[in-house]
N, C-alpha and C. Protein backbone atom coordinates (compact mmCIF):
# COMPACT_ATOMS: atom_id res chain seq x y z
N UNK A 1 33.42 107.58 -67.10
CA UNK A 1 32.25 106.75 -67.37
C UNK A 1 31.73 107.05 -68.76
N UNK A 2 31.30 106.02 -69.41
CA UNK A 2 30.73 106.24 -70.73
C UNK A 2 29.24 106.53 -70.63
N UNK A 3 28.67 106.84 -71.75
CA UNK A 3 27.28 107.30 -71.80
C UNK A 3 26.31 106.20 -71.35
N UNK A 4 26.58 104.94 -71.70
CA UNK A 4 25.68 103.85 -71.32
C UNK A 4 25.66 103.64 -69.80
N UNK A 5 26.80 103.77 -69.17
CA UNK A 5 26.86 103.60 -67.72
C UNK A 5 26.07 104.69 -67.01
N UNK A 6 26.15 105.90 -67.53
CA UNK A 6 25.38 107.01 -66.94
C UNK A 6 23.89 106.77 -67.11
N UNK A 7 23.48 106.28 -68.27
CA UNK A 7 22.06 105.98 -68.51
C UNK A 7 21.57 104.88 -67.58
N UNK A 8 22.40 103.88 -67.35
CA UNK A 8 22.01 102.77 -66.48
C UNK A 8 21.85 103.27 -65.04
N UNK A 9 22.76 104.09 -64.56
CA UNK A 9 22.65 104.63 -63.21
C UNK A 9 21.43 105.53 -63.07
N UNK A 10 21.16 106.32 -64.09
CA UNK A 10 19.98 107.18 -64.07
C UNK A 10 18.71 106.34 -64.04
N UNK A 11 18.69 105.27 -64.82
CA UNK A 11 17.54 104.38 -64.87
C UNK A 11 17.33 103.69 -63.52
N UNK A 12 18.41 103.28 -62.86
CA UNK A 12 18.30 102.66 -61.54
C UNK A 12 17.70 103.64 -60.54
N UNK A 13 18.13 104.88 -60.58
CA UNK A 13 17.62 105.89 -59.65
C UNK A 13 16.14 106.16 -59.90
N UNK A 14 15.74 106.26 -61.15
CA UNK A 14 14.33 106.50 -61.49
C UNK A 14 13.47 105.34 -61.00
N UNK A 15 13.92 104.11 -61.24
CA UNK A 15 13.15 102.94 -60.82
C UNK A 15 13.07 102.87 -59.30
N UNK A 16 14.16 103.18 -58.62
CA UNK A 16 14.15 103.18 -57.15
C UNK A 16 13.14 104.20 -56.62
N UNK A 17 13.10 105.38 -57.21
CA UNK A 17 12.14 106.41 -56.78
C UNK A 17 10.70 105.98 -57.07
N UNK A 18 10.47 105.36 -58.21
CA UNK A 18 9.13 104.90 -58.55
C UNK A 18 8.67 103.78 -57.61
N UNK A 19 9.58 102.89 -57.24
CA UNK A 19 9.23 101.82 -56.31
C UNK A 19 8.89 102.39 -54.93
N UNK A 20 9.62 103.42 -54.52
CA UNK A 20 9.33 104.08 -53.25
C UNK A 20 7.96 104.76 -53.30
N UNK A 21 7.67 105.42 -54.40
CA UNK A 21 6.36 106.05 -54.58
C UNK A 21 5.25 105.01 -54.55
N UNK A 22 5.47 103.87 -55.21
CA UNK A 22 4.47 102.81 -55.21
C UNK A 22 4.19 102.31 -53.81
N UNK A 23 5.24 102.12 -53.02
CA UNK A 23 5.06 101.64 -51.65
C UNK A 23 4.29 102.66 -50.81
N UNK A 24 4.59 103.94 -50.99
CA UNK A 24 3.84 104.97 -50.26
C UNK A 24 2.38 104.99 -50.67
N UNK A 25 2.09 104.84 -51.94
CA UNK A 25 0.70 104.82 -52.41
C UNK A 25 -0.05 103.61 -51.86
N UNK A 26 0.62 102.47 -51.80
CA UNK A 26 -0.02 101.28 -51.25
C UNK A 26 -0.35 101.50 -49.78
N UNK A 27 0.57 102.09 -49.03
CA UNK A 27 0.30 102.38 -47.61
C UNK A 27 -0.85 103.35 -47.44
N UNK A 28 -0.92 104.38 -48.28
CA UNK A 28 -2.02 105.34 -48.21
C UNK A 28 -3.34 104.65 -48.51
N UNK A 29 -3.35 103.79 -49.51
CA UNK A 29 -4.58 103.08 -49.84
C UNK A 29 -5.03 102.17 -48.71
N UNK A 30 -4.10 101.51 -48.05
CA UNK A 30 -4.46 100.65 -46.92
C UNK A 30 -5.13 101.47 -45.82
N UNK A 31 -4.56 102.62 -45.51
CA UNK A 31 -5.14 103.48 -44.46
C UNK A 31 -6.51 103.99 -44.88
N UNK A 32 -6.64 104.42 -46.13
CA UNK A 32 -7.93 104.94 -46.60
C UNK A 32 -9.01 103.86 -46.60
N UNK A 33 -8.68 102.68 -47.08
CA UNK A 33 -9.67 101.60 -47.14
C UNK A 33 -10.09 101.20 -45.73
N UNK A 34 -9.12 101.07 -44.83
CA UNK A 34 -9.49 100.71 -43.46
C UNK A 34 -10.30 101.82 -42.79
N UNK A 35 -10.00 103.08 -43.12
CA UNK A 35 -10.78 104.19 -42.57
C UNK A 35 -12.21 104.19 -43.06
N UNK A 36 -12.40 103.91 -44.34
CA UNK A 36 -13.77 103.86 -44.89
C UNK A 36 -14.54 102.70 -44.27
N UNK A 37 -13.87 101.57 -44.09
CA UNK A 37 -14.54 100.43 -43.44
C UNK A 37 -14.90 100.79 -42.00
N UNK A 38 -14.01 101.48 -41.31
CA UNK A 38 -14.29 101.91 -39.94
C UNK A 38 -15.45 102.87 -39.86
N UNK A 39 -15.57 103.76 -40.83
CA UNK A 39 -16.69 104.72 -40.85
C UNK A 39 -18.01 103.99 -41.05
N UNK A 40 -17.99 102.86 -41.70
CA UNK A 40 -19.23 102.10 -41.91
C UNK A 40 -19.87 101.67 -40.60
N UNK A 41 -19.10 101.60 -39.51
CA UNK A 41 -19.63 101.19 -38.22
C UNK A 41 -20.19 102.36 -37.41
N UNK A 42 -20.14 103.56 -37.96
CA UNK A 42 -20.74 104.71 -37.28
C UNK A 42 -22.26 104.64 -37.38
N UNK A 43 -22.95 105.31 -36.45
CA UNK A 43 -24.41 105.35 -36.56
C UNK A 43 -24.83 106.09 -37.84
N UNK A 44 -25.97 105.74 -38.35
CA UNK A 44 -26.45 106.35 -39.59
C UNK A 44 -26.78 107.82 -39.38
N UNK A 45 -26.03 108.65 -40.08
CA UNK A 45 -26.33 110.08 -40.15
C UNK A 45 -25.66 110.61 -41.42
N UNK A 46 -25.87 111.86 -41.70
CA UNK A 46 -25.37 112.44 -42.95
C UNK A 46 -23.85 112.47 -42.97
N UNK A 47 -23.21 112.67 -41.82
CA UNK A 47 -21.75 112.72 -41.75
C UNK A 47 -21.13 111.40 -42.20
N UNK A 48 -21.76 110.30 -41.83
CA UNK A 48 -21.25 108.98 -42.22
C UNK A 48 -21.18 108.87 -43.74
N UNK A 49 -22.24 109.24 -44.41
CA UNK A 49 -22.28 109.09 -45.86
C UNK A 49 -21.37 110.09 -46.57
N UNK A 50 -21.20 111.27 -46.00
CA UNK A 50 -20.27 112.24 -46.57
C UNK A 50 -18.84 111.72 -46.45
N UNK A 51 -18.48 111.19 -45.29
CA UNK A 51 -17.13 110.67 -45.09
C UNK A 51 -16.86 109.45 -45.97
N UNK A 52 -17.85 108.60 -46.13
CA UNK A 52 -17.68 107.44 -47.02
C UNK A 52 -17.48 107.91 -48.46
N UNK A 53 -18.26 108.89 -48.89
CA UNK A 53 -18.12 109.42 -50.25
C UNK A 53 -16.74 110.04 -50.48
N UNK A 54 -16.29 110.84 -49.52
CA UNK A 54 -14.96 111.45 -49.65
C UNK A 54 -13.88 110.38 -49.65
N UNK A 55 -14.03 109.39 -48.77
CA UNK A 55 -13.05 108.30 -48.72
C UNK A 55 -12.99 107.52 -50.02
N UNK A 56 -14.14 107.21 -50.60
CA UNK A 56 -14.16 106.48 -51.87
C UNK A 56 -13.55 107.31 -53.00
N UNK A 57 -13.77 108.61 -52.96
CA UNK A 57 -13.16 109.49 -53.96
C UNK A 57 -11.64 109.44 -53.87
N UNK A 58 -11.12 109.57 -52.67
CA UNK A 58 -9.66 109.52 -52.49
C UNK A 58 -9.09 108.14 -52.82
N UNK A 59 -9.83 107.09 -52.51
CA UNK A 59 -9.39 105.73 -52.88
C UNK A 59 -9.27 105.62 -54.39
N UNK A 60 -10.25 106.16 -55.11
CA UNK A 60 -10.20 106.12 -56.58
C UNK A 60 -9.03 106.92 -57.12
N UNK A 61 -8.79 108.10 -56.55
CA UNK A 61 -7.69 108.95 -57.02
C UNK A 61 -6.35 108.27 -56.78
N UNK A 62 -6.13 107.76 -55.57
CA UNK A 62 -4.85 107.13 -55.28
C UNK A 62 -4.70 105.79 -55.99
N UNK A 63 -5.81 105.09 -56.21
CA UNK A 63 -5.76 103.85 -56.97
C UNK A 63 -5.34 104.11 -58.41
N UNK A 64 -5.87 105.16 -59.00
CA UNK A 64 -5.48 105.53 -60.37
C UNK A 64 -4.01 105.92 -60.42
N UNK A 65 -3.56 106.69 -59.42
CA UNK A 65 -2.16 107.09 -59.35
C UNK A 65 -1.25 105.88 -59.19
N UNK A 66 -1.68 104.90 -58.39
CA UNK A 66 -0.90 103.67 -58.23
C UNK A 66 -0.81 102.92 -59.55
N UNK A 67 -1.90 102.86 -60.27
CA UNK A 67 -1.90 102.17 -61.57
C UNK A 67 -0.94 102.86 -62.55
N UNK A 68 -0.96 104.19 -62.58
CA UNK A 68 -0.06 104.92 -63.47
C UNK A 68 1.40 104.71 -63.07
N UNK A 69 1.66 104.63 -61.78
CA UNK A 69 3.03 104.38 -61.32
C UNK A 69 3.48 102.99 -61.73
N UNK A 70 2.60 102.01 -61.62
CA UNK A 70 2.93 100.65 -62.06
C UNK A 70 3.25 100.63 -63.56
N UNK A 71 2.47 101.37 -64.34
CA UNK A 71 2.74 101.42 -65.78
C UNK A 71 4.10 102.06 -66.06
N UNK A 72 4.45 103.12 -65.32
CA UNK A 72 5.76 103.75 -65.51
C UNK A 72 6.89 102.79 -65.15
N UNK A 73 6.71 102.06 -64.05
CA UNK A 73 7.74 101.09 -63.65
C UNK A 73 7.92 100.04 -64.73
N UNK A 74 6.82 99.50 -65.22
CA UNK A 74 6.91 98.50 -66.29
C UNK A 74 7.54 99.08 -67.55
N UNK A 75 7.22 100.32 -67.85
CA UNK A 75 7.79 100.97 -69.02
C UNK A 75 9.31 101.08 -68.88
N UNK A 76 9.76 101.53 -67.72
CA UNK A 76 11.20 101.67 -67.52
C UNK A 76 11.90 100.32 -67.47
N UNK A 77 11.26 99.33 -66.88
CA UNK A 77 11.92 98.03 -66.75
C UNK A 77 12.00 97.28 -68.08
N UNK A 78 10.96 97.36 -68.88
CA UNK A 78 10.92 96.53 -70.08
C UNK A 78 11.20 97.29 -71.37
N UNK A 79 10.77 98.52 -71.47
CA UNK A 79 10.97 99.28 -72.71
C UNK A 79 12.34 99.92 -72.74
N UNK A 80 12.73 100.61 -71.68
CA UNK A 80 13.99 101.33 -71.67
C UNK A 80 15.18 100.37 -71.66
N UNK A 81 15.00 99.21 -71.05
CA UNK A 81 16.10 98.25 -70.98
C UNK A 81 16.44 97.74 -72.38
N UNK A 82 15.45 97.65 -73.24
CA UNK A 82 15.70 97.21 -74.61
C UNK A 82 16.53 98.22 -75.39
N UNK A 83 16.37 99.51 -75.03
CA UNK A 83 17.10 100.56 -75.73
C UNK A 83 18.58 100.53 -75.39
N UNK A 84 18.93 100.03 -74.19
CA UNK A 84 20.34 100.04 -73.78
C UNK A 84 21.12 98.93 -74.37
């Protein structure tokens, strides 16, 4: 195999792993968002607001991670492909 074929296979593997990571992050966000919405139906007490705050924090963290993963995918798909 020549060097370009090895780079292409490596690129395919990286993109496949990033797509898998993106799907996992989307699933985590779905569970977190539905959990925070479910906590909203609890009776008003301090635990409710603590859980909502923690849930929103994790939603922000995983949302940022999802955005960074999307940027990496776009980088590999559009920037690296031009180099080959």
